[in-house]
Amino acid sequence: MIIEQTLAIIKPDAINRNLIGSIINLIEQNNLNVKDILMRRISTKEAKEFYKIHTDREFFSKLIEYMTSGPIVVMLLEGDDAVNRYRKIMGSTNPDTAESGTIRKLYGLNTTENSVHGSDSIDNADIEIKFFFK
């Protein structure tokens, strides 16, 4: 068993629909522990820095506008194989094709407003955790 950490974000659409508790409940039911949590708004500058990997993608400006449209909940999750397990709990980016029972299938509205973000690798988890939990 290798204990890992990963970053999870509950996005503005889920917060607007009062889904914070439901999403955290799913995370905890899947044996991941919330080790730190904060709720805040991010600036356009912060959003552009956080999502810089997507700068050249057509959806970049829409993503930045969306992520700065309201508060987000940022969580540091910990558990066995946390990165992969949280990605499985999240489901695929498109809620229409996400697996049944995943956060995005249950709560996602579309590929942008898909309720949650999660680190995609151990290396990115480390970078993303440091971005929010300095």
N, C-alpha and C. Protein backbone atom coordinates (compact mmCIF):
# COMPACT_ATOMS: atom_id res chain seq x y z
N MET A 1 0.84 -1.19 0.00
CA MET A 1 0.00 0.00 0.00
C MET A 1 0.88 1.25 0.00
N ILE A 2 0.66 2.11 -0.98
CA ILE A 2 1.43 3.35 -1.08
C ILE A 2 0.48 4.52 -0.87
N ILE A 3 0.68 5.24 0.23
CA ILE A 3 -0.17 6.39 0.51
C ILE A 3 0.30 7.56 -0.36
N GLU A 4 -0.65 8.11 -1.11
CA GLU A 4 -0.37 9.24 -2.00
C GLU A 4 -1.28 10.40 -1.61
N GLN A 5 -0.92 11.56 -2.15
CA GLN A 5 -1.76 12.73 -2.02
C GLN A 5 -2.15 13.20 -3.42
N THR A 6 -3.32 13.79 -3.52
CA THR A 6 -3.77 14.37 -4.78
C THR A 6 -4.60 15.60 -4.48
N LEU A 7 -4.80 16.42 -5.50
CA LEU A 7 -5.59 17.63 -5.34
C LEU A 7 -6.96 17.41 -5.98
N ALA A 8 -7.98 17.88 -5.30
CA ALA A 8 -9.35 17.84 -5.82
C ALA A 8 -9.94 19.24 -5.72
N ILE A 9 -10.66 19.64 -6.75
CA ILE A 9 -11.37 20.92 -6.73
C ILE A 9 -12.84 20.65 -7.02
N ILE A 10 -13.69 21.23 -6.18
CA ILE A 10 -15.12 21.26 -6.48
C ILE A 10 -15.34 22.60 -7.18
N LYS A 11 -15.83 22.52 -8.41
CA LYS A 11 -15.93 23.68 -9.28
C LYS A 11 -17.20 24.51 -9.01
N PRO A 12 -17.23 25.74 -9.55
CA PRO A 12 -18.36 26.65 -9.28
C PRO A 12 -19.75 26.08 -9.56
N ASP A 13 -19.91 25.30 -10.62
CA ASP A 13 -21.26 24.78 -10.92
C ASP A 13 -21.77 23.89 -9.80
N ALA A 14 -20.91 23.08 -9.22
CA ALA A 14 -21.32 22.18 -8.14
C ALA A 14 -21.60 22.96 -6.86
N ILE A 15 -20.82 23.98 -6.61
CA ILE A 15 -21.04 24.81 -5.42
C ILE A 15 -22.37 25.55 -5.55
N ASN A 16 -22.66 26.08 -6.74
CA ASN A 16 -23.93 26.79 -6.96
C ASN A 16 -25.13 25.88 -6.75
N ARG A 17 -24.95 24.58 -6.94
CA ARG A 17 -26.05 23.63 -6.78
C ARG A 17 -26.01 22.90 -5.44
N ASN A 18 -25.22 23.43 -4.49
CA ASN A 18 -25.15 22.88 -3.13
C ASN A 18 -24.74 21.40 -3.09
N LEU A 19 -23.69 21.07 -3.86
CA LEU A 19 -23.25 19.68 -3.95
C LEU A 19 -21.95 19.39 -3.19
N ILE A 20 -21.45 20.34 -2.43
CA ILE A 20 -20.17 20.14 -1.72
C ILE A 20 -20.23 18.88 -0.85
N GLY A 21 -21.24 18.78 -0.01
CA GLY A 21 -21.35 17.64 0.90
C GLY A 21 -21.50 16.32 0.18
N SER A 22 -22.31 16.31 -0.89
CA SER A 22 -22.52 15.08 -1.66
C SER A 22 -21.21 14.60 -2.29
N ILE A 23 -20.43 15.54 -2.82
CA ILE A 23 -19.17 15.18 -3.47
C ILE A 23 -18.16 14.69 -2.44
N ILE A 24 -18.04 15.40 -1.32
CA ILE A 24 -17.10 14.95 -0.27
C ILE A 24 -17.53 13.59 0.26
N ASN A 25 -18.82 13.36 0.39
CA ASN A 25 -19.32 12.07 0.85
C ASN A 25 -18.87 10.94 -0.08
N LEU A 26 -18.97 11.15 -1.39
CA LEU A 26 -18.51 10.14 -2.35
C LEU A 26 -17.01 9.88 -2.20
N ILE A 27 -16.25 10.94 -2.01
CA ILE A 27 -14.80 10.81 -1.84
C ILE A 27 -14.50 9.96 -0.60
N GLU A 28 -15.16 10.29 0.51
CA GLU A 28 -14.91 9.57 1.76
C GLU A 28 -15.42 8.13 1.71
N GLN A 29 -16.51 7.89 1.01
CA GLN A 29 -17.02 6.51 0.87
C GLN A 29 -16.03 5.64 0.10
N ASN A 30 -15.18 6.27 -0.70
CA ASN A 30 -14.18 5.54 -1.47
C ASN A 30 -12.81 5.54 -0.80
N ASN A 31 -12.82 5.71 0.51
CA ASN A 31 -11.62 5.58 1.35
C ASN A 31 -10.49 6.55 1.02
N LEU A 32 -10.85 7.74 0.58
CA LEU A 32 -9.87 8.82 0.47
C LEU A 32 -10.18 9.80 1.60
N ASN A 33 -9.12 10.31 2.22
CA ASN A 33 -9.27 11.21 3.35
C ASN A 33 -9.01 12.64 2.94
N VAL A 34 -9.87 13.55 3.40
CA VAL A 34 -9.66 14.98 3.19
C VAL A 34 -8.69 15.45 4.27
N LYS A 35 -7.46 15.77 3.86
CA LYS A 35 -6.41 16.17 4.81
C LYS A 35 -6.36 17.68 5.01
N ASP A 36 -6.83 18.44 4.01
CA ASP A 36 -6.90 19.90 4.12
C ASP A 36 -7.98 20.36 3.15
N ILE A 37 -8.63 21.47 3.46
CA ILE A 37 -9.72 21.95 2.63
C ILE A 37 -9.82 23.47 2.76
N LEU A 38 -10.15 24.13 1.67
CA LEU A 38 -10.40 25.56 1.71
C LEU A 38 -11.38 25.95 0.63
N MET A 39 -12.12 27.01 0.89
CA MET A 39 -13.07 27.53 -0.09
C MET A 39 -12.62 28.95 -0.40
N ARG A 40 -12.51 29.26 -1.69
CA ARG A 40 -12.06 30.59 -2.08
C ARG A 40 -12.39 30.84 -3.54
N ARG A 41 -12.21 32.08 -3.93
CA ARG A 41 -12.30 32.45 -5.35
C ARG A 41 -10.88 32.56 -5.86
N ILE A 42 -10.68 32.21 -7.13
CA ILE A 42 -9.36 32.40 -7.72
C ILE A 42 -9.45 33.53 -8.75
N SER A 43 -8.36 34.26 -8.84
CA SER A 43 -8.29 35.37 -9.78
C SER A 43 -8.06 34.83 -11.19
N THR A 44 -8.27 35.69 -12.17
CA THR A 44 -8.00 35.31 -13.56
C THR A 44 -6.53 34.93 -13.71
N LYS A 45 -5.65 35.70 -13.09
CA LYS A 45 -4.21 35.41 -13.15
C LYS A 45 -3.91 34.02 -12.58
N GLU A 46 -4.48 33.70 -11.43
CA GLU A 46 -4.27 32.37 -10.82
C GLU A 46 -4.83 31.26 -11.70
N ALA A 47 -6.02 31.47 -12.24
CA ALA A 47 -6.63 30.45 -13.09
C ALA A 47 -5.79 30.19 -14.33
N LYS A 48 -5.29 31.27 -14.95
CA LYS A 48 -4.43 31.12 -16.13
C LYS A 48 -3.15 30.37 -15.79
N GLU A 49 -2.59 30.64 -14.63
CA GLU A 49 -1.37 29.94 -14.19
C GLU A 49 -1.68 28.46 -13.92
N PHE A 50 -2.76 28.20 -13.21
CA PHE A 50 -3.12 26.83 -12.84
C PHE A 50 -3.40 25.98 -14.07
N TYR A 51 -4.09 26.55 -15.06
CA TYR A 51 -4.48 25.81 -16.27
C TYR A 51 -3.59 26.11 -17.47
N LYS A 52 -2.35 26.57 -17.21
CA LYS A 52 -1.45 26.96 -18.32
C LYS A 52 -1.19 25.82 -19.30
N ILE A 53 -1.31 24.59 -18.87
CA ILE A 53 -1.14 23.43 -19.76
C ILE A 53 -2.15 23.47 -20.92
N HIS A 54 -3.28 24.16 -20.71
CA HIS A 54 -4.33 24.23 -21.72
C HIS A 54 -4.34 25.55 -22.50
N THR A 55 -3.31 26.38 -22.35
CA THR A 55 -3.28 27.72 -22.96
C THR A 55 -3.61 27.71 -24.45
N ASP A 56 -3.12 26.74 -25.19
CA ASP A 56 -3.32 26.70 -26.64
C ASP A 56 -4.61 26.00 -27.07
N ARG A 57 -5.38 25.53 -26.12
CA ARG A 57 -6.61 24.81 -26.45
C ARG A 57 -7.76 25.80 -26.68
N GLU A 58 -8.68 25.43 -27.53
CA GLU A 58 -9.80 26.32 -27.89
C GLU A 58 -10.68 26.68 -26.70
N PHE A 59 -10.75 25.80 -25.71
CA PHE A 59 -11.63 26.01 -24.56
C PHE A 59 -11.01 26.82 -23.44
N PHE A 60 -9.73 27.25 -23.60
CA PHE A 60 -8.99 27.88 -22.51
C PHE A 60 -9.71 29.10 -21.93
N SER A 61 -10.10 30.05 -22.75
CA SER A 61 -10.71 31.28 -22.22
C SER A 61 -12.05 30.99 -21.54
N LYS A 62 -12.81 30.04 -22.09
CA LYS A 62 -14.08 29.64 -21.48
C LYS A 62 -13.83 29.00 -20.11
N LEU A 63 -12.80 28.18 -20.02
CA LEU A 63 -12.43 27.53 -18.76
C LEU A 63 -12.04 28.56 -17.71
N ILE A 64 -11.23 29.54 -18.09
CA ILE A 64 -10.78 30.57 -17.15
C ILE A 64 -11.98 31.39 -16.66
N GLU A 65 -12.84 31.77 -17.58
CA GLU A 65 -14.03 32.55 -17.22
C GLU A 65 -14.91 31.76 -16.24
N TYR A 66 -15.08 30.49 -16.52
CA TYR A 66 -15.88 29.62 -15.66
C TYR A 66 -15.27 29.44 -14.28
N MET A 67 -13.97 29.13 -14.22
CA MET A 67 -13.32 28.86 -12.93
C MET A 67 -13.23 30.10 -12.04
N THR A 68 -13.35 31.29 -12.63
CA THR A 68 -13.31 32.52 -11.84
C THR A 68 -14.72 33.07 -11.59
N SER A 69 -15.75 32.35 -12.01
CA SER A 69 -17.13 32.84 -11.92
C SER A 69 -17.74 32.72 -10.52
N GLY A 70 -17.09 31.98 -9.66
CA GLY A 70 -17.60 31.80 -8.30
C GLY A 70 -16.58 31.09 -7.45
N PRO A 71 -16.93 30.84 -6.20
CA PRO A 71 -15.98 30.16 -5.32
C PRO A 71 -15.74 28.70 -5.74
N ILE A 72 -14.59 28.20 -5.35
CA ILE A 72 -14.24 26.80 -5.53
C ILE A 72 -13.86 26.22 -4.16
N VAL A 73 -13.97 24.92 -4.03
CA VAL A 73 -13.49 24.23 -2.84
C VAL A 73 -12.29 23.40 -3.28
N VAL A 74 -11.17 23.63 -2.62
CA VAL A 74 -9.93 22.92 -2.94
C VAL A 74 -9.62 21.97 -1.79
N MET A 75 -9.33 20.71 -2.14
CA MET A 75 -9.05 19.71 -1.11
C MET A 75 -7.75 18.97 -1.39
N LEU A 76 -7.03 18.71 -0.34
CA LEU A 76 -5.87 17.83 -0.38
C LEU A 76 -6.37 16.47 0.09
N LEU A 77 -6.36 15.51 -0.82
CA LEU A 77 -6.83 14.16 -0.51
C LEU A 77 -5.65 13.24 -0.30
N GLU A 78 -5.85 12.26 0.55
CA GLU A 78 -4.78 11.30 0.84
C GLU A 78 -5.38 9.91 0.93
N GLY A 79 -4.61 8.94 0.43
CA GLY A 79 -5.04 7.56 0.52
C GLY A 79 -4.20 6.67 -0.38
N ASP A 80 -4.48 5.38 -0.33
CA ASP A 80 -3.79 4.41 -1.16
C ASP A 80 -4.09 4.69 -2.63
N ASP A 81 -3.05 4.87 -3.45
CA ASP A 81 -3.19 5.12 -4.88
C ASP A 81 -4.17 6.27 -5.15
N ALA A 82 -4.03 7.37 -4.37
CA ALA A 82 -5.00 8.47 -4.36
C ALA A 82 -5.23 9.10 -5.74
N VAL A 83 -4.19 9.30 -6.51
CA VAL A 83 -4.35 9.96 -7.82
C VAL A 83 -5.27 9.15 -8.71
N ASN A 84 -4.95 7.88 -8.91
CA ASN A 84 -5.76 7.03 -9.79
C ASN A 84 -7.15 6.78 -9.22
N ARG A 85 -7.24 6.58 -7.92
CA ARG A 85 -8.54 6.30 -7.32
C ARG A 85 -9.47 7.51 -7.43
N TYR A 86 -8.93 8.72 -7.20
CA TYR A 86 -9.80 9.89 -7.31
C TYR A 86 -10.22 10.11 -8.76
N ARG A 87 -9.33 9.86 -9.71
CA ARG A 87 -9.69 10.01 -11.12
C ARG A 87 -10.82 9.04 -11.49
N LYS A 88 -10.77 7.86 -10.93
CA LYS A 88 -11.85 6.87 -11.18
C LYS A 88 -13.17 7.35 -10.56
N ILE A 89 -13.11 7.92 -9.36
CA ILE A 89 -14.29 8.44 -8.68
C ILE A 89 -14.88 9.62 -9.46
N MET A 90 -14.01 10.45 -10.05
CA MET A 90 -14.47 11.62 -10.82
C MET A 90 -15.22 11.19 -12.07
N GLY A 91 -14.70 10.24 -12.80
CA GLY A 91 -15.26 9.86 -14.08
C GLY A 91 -14.66 10.69 -15.20
N SER A 92 -14.98 10.33 -16.43
CA SER A 92 -14.38 11.02 -17.58
C SER A 92 -14.89 12.46 -17.68
N THR A 93 -14.12 13.28 -18.39
CA THR A 93 -14.39 14.72 -18.51
C THR A 93 -15.81 15.00 -18.99
N ASN A 94 -16.30 14.22 -19.93
CA ASN A 94 -17.64 14.42 -20.48
C ASN A 94 -18.65 13.63 -19.63
N PRO A 95 -19.53 14.33 -18.92
CA PRO A 95 -20.52 13.64 -18.08
C PRO A 95 -21.39 12.64 -18.85
N ASP A 96 -21.63 12.90 -20.14
CA ASP A 96 -22.46 12.00 -20.94
C ASP A 96 -21.82 10.62 -21.12
N THR A 97 -20.48 10.57 -21.11
CA THR A 97 -19.80 9.30 -21.31
C THR A 97 -19.14 8.77 -20.04
N ALA A 98 -19.30 9.50 -18.93
CA ALA A 98 -18.70 9.07 -17.66
C ALA A 98 -19.41 7.81 -17.15
N GLU A 99 -18.63 7.01 -16.43
CA GLU A 99 -19.16 5.77 -15.88
C GLU A 99 -20.23 6.05 -14.82
N SER A 100 -21.22 5.20 -14.76
CA SER A 100 -22.31 5.31 -13.79
C SER A 100 -21.75 5.39 -12.37
N GLY A 101 -22.33 6.28 -11.56
CA GLY A 101 -21.92 6.40 -10.16
C GLY A 101 -20.76 7.34 -9.92
N THR A 102 -20.12 7.83 -10.99
CA THR A 102 -19.00 8.76 -10.80
C THR A 102 -19.54 10.17 -10.54
N ILE A 103 -18.70 11.02 -9.97
CA ILE A 103 -19.10 12.39 -9.66
C ILE A 103 -19.60 13.11 -10.91
N ARG A 104 -18.86 13.00 -12.00
CA ARG A 104 -19.24 13.72 -13.21
C ARG A 104 -20.52 13.17 -13.84
N LYS A 105 -20.74 11.87 -13.75
CA LYS A 105 -21.99 11.29 -14.27
C LYS A 105 -23.18 11.76 -13.44
N LEU A 106 -22.98 11.78 -12.13
CA LEU A 106 -24.05 12.18 -11.23
C LEU A 106 -24.36 13.67 -11.28
N TYR A 107 -23.30 14.50 -11.37
CA TYR A 107 -23.48 15.93 -11.15
C TYR A 107 -23.00 16.84 -12.29
N GLY A 108 -22.18 16.35 -13.20
CA GLY A 108 -21.65 17.19 -14.26
C GLY A 108 -22.72 17.65 -15.23
N LEU A 109 -22.57 18.89 -15.72
CA LEU A 109 -23.53 19.44 -16.67
C LEU A 109 -23.05 19.32 -18.11
N ASN A 110 -21.74 19.50 -18.32
CA ASN A 110 -21.11 19.41 -19.64
C ASN A 110 -19.60 19.28 -19.44
N THR A 111 -18.83 19.33 -20.51
CA THR A 111 -17.38 19.11 -20.38
C THR A 111 -16.67 20.24 -19.63
N THR A 112 -17.23 21.43 -19.60
CA THR A 112 -16.64 22.53 -18.82
C THR A 112 -17.18 22.50 -17.40
N GLU A 113 -18.50 22.52 -17.27
CA GLU A 113 -19.15 22.51 -15.96
C GLU A 113 -19.35 21.07 -15.52
N ASN A 114 -18.21 20.41 -15.25
CA ASN A 114 -18.27 18.99 -14.91
C ASN A 114 -18.01 18.74 -13.42
N SER A 115 -18.21 19.76 -12.61
CA SER A 115 -18.28 19.70 -11.15
C SER A 115 -16.96 19.55 -10.41
N VAL A 116 -15.98 18.85 -10.96
CA VAL A 116 -14.74 18.59 -10.22
C VAL A 116 -13.51 18.59 -11.12
N HIS A 117 -12.37 18.83 -10.48
CA HIS A 117 -11.05 18.70 -11.10
C HIS A 117 -10.25 17.76 -10.22
N GLY A 118 -9.35 17.00 -10.83
CA GLY A 118 -8.43 16.17 -10.07
C GLY A 118 -7.10 16.08 -10.79
N SER A 119 -6.04 15.99 -10.02
CA SER A 119 -4.70 15.86 -10.60
C SER A 119 -4.63 14.61 -11.47
N ASP A 120 -3.87 14.70 -12.58
CA ASP A 120 -3.81 13.57 -13.52
C ASP A 120 -2.56 12.71 -13.37
N SER A 121 -1.66 13.08 -12.46
CA SER A 121 -0.45 12.29 -12.22
C SER A 121 0.10 12.65 -10.85
N ILE A 122 0.99 11.82 -10.35
CA ILE A 122 1.64 12.11 -9.06
C ILE A 122 2.44 13.41 -9.16
N ASP A 123 3.15 13.60 -10.27
CA ASP A 123 3.95 14.82 -10.44
C ASP A 123 3.06 16.06 -10.46
N ASN A 124 1.96 16.01 -11.22
CA ASN A 124 1.04 17.15 -11.27
C ASN A 124 0.33 17.36 -9.94
N ALA A 125 0.04 16.28 -9.23
CA ALA A 125 -0.57 16.41 -7.90
C ALA A 125 0.34 17.23 -6.99
N ASP A 126 1.62 16.94 -7.02
CA ASP A 126 2.59 17.67 -6.20
C ASP A 126 2.59 19.16 -6.56
N ILE A 127 2.61 19.47 -7.85
CA ILE A 127 2.61 20.86 -8.32
C ILE A 127 1.30 21.55 -7.92
N GLU A 128 0.17 20.88 -8.14
CA GLU A 128 -1.13 21.48 -7.86
C GLU A 128 -1.37 21.66 -6.36
N ILE A 129 -0.93 20.72 -5.55
CA ILE A 129 -1.05 20.85 -4.09
C ILE A 129 -0.27 22.07 -3.63
N LYS A 130 0.96 22.22 -4.12
CA LYS A 130 1.79 23.38 -3.73
C LYS A 130 1.18 24.69 -4.21
N PHE A 131 0.46 24.66 -5.34
CA PHE A 131 -0.17 25.87 -5.86
C PHE A 131 -1.19 26.42 -4.86
N PHE A 132 -1.97 25.55 -4.25
CA PHE A 132 -3.03 26.00 -3.33
C PHE A 132 -2.65 25.91 -1.86
N PHE A 133 -1.83 24.96 -1.49
CA PHE A 133 -1.46 24.76 -0.09
C PHE A 133 0.03 25.03 0.10
N LYS A 134 0.37 26.30 0.07
CA LYS A 134 1.79 26.71 0.13
C LYS A 134 2.36 26.51 1.52
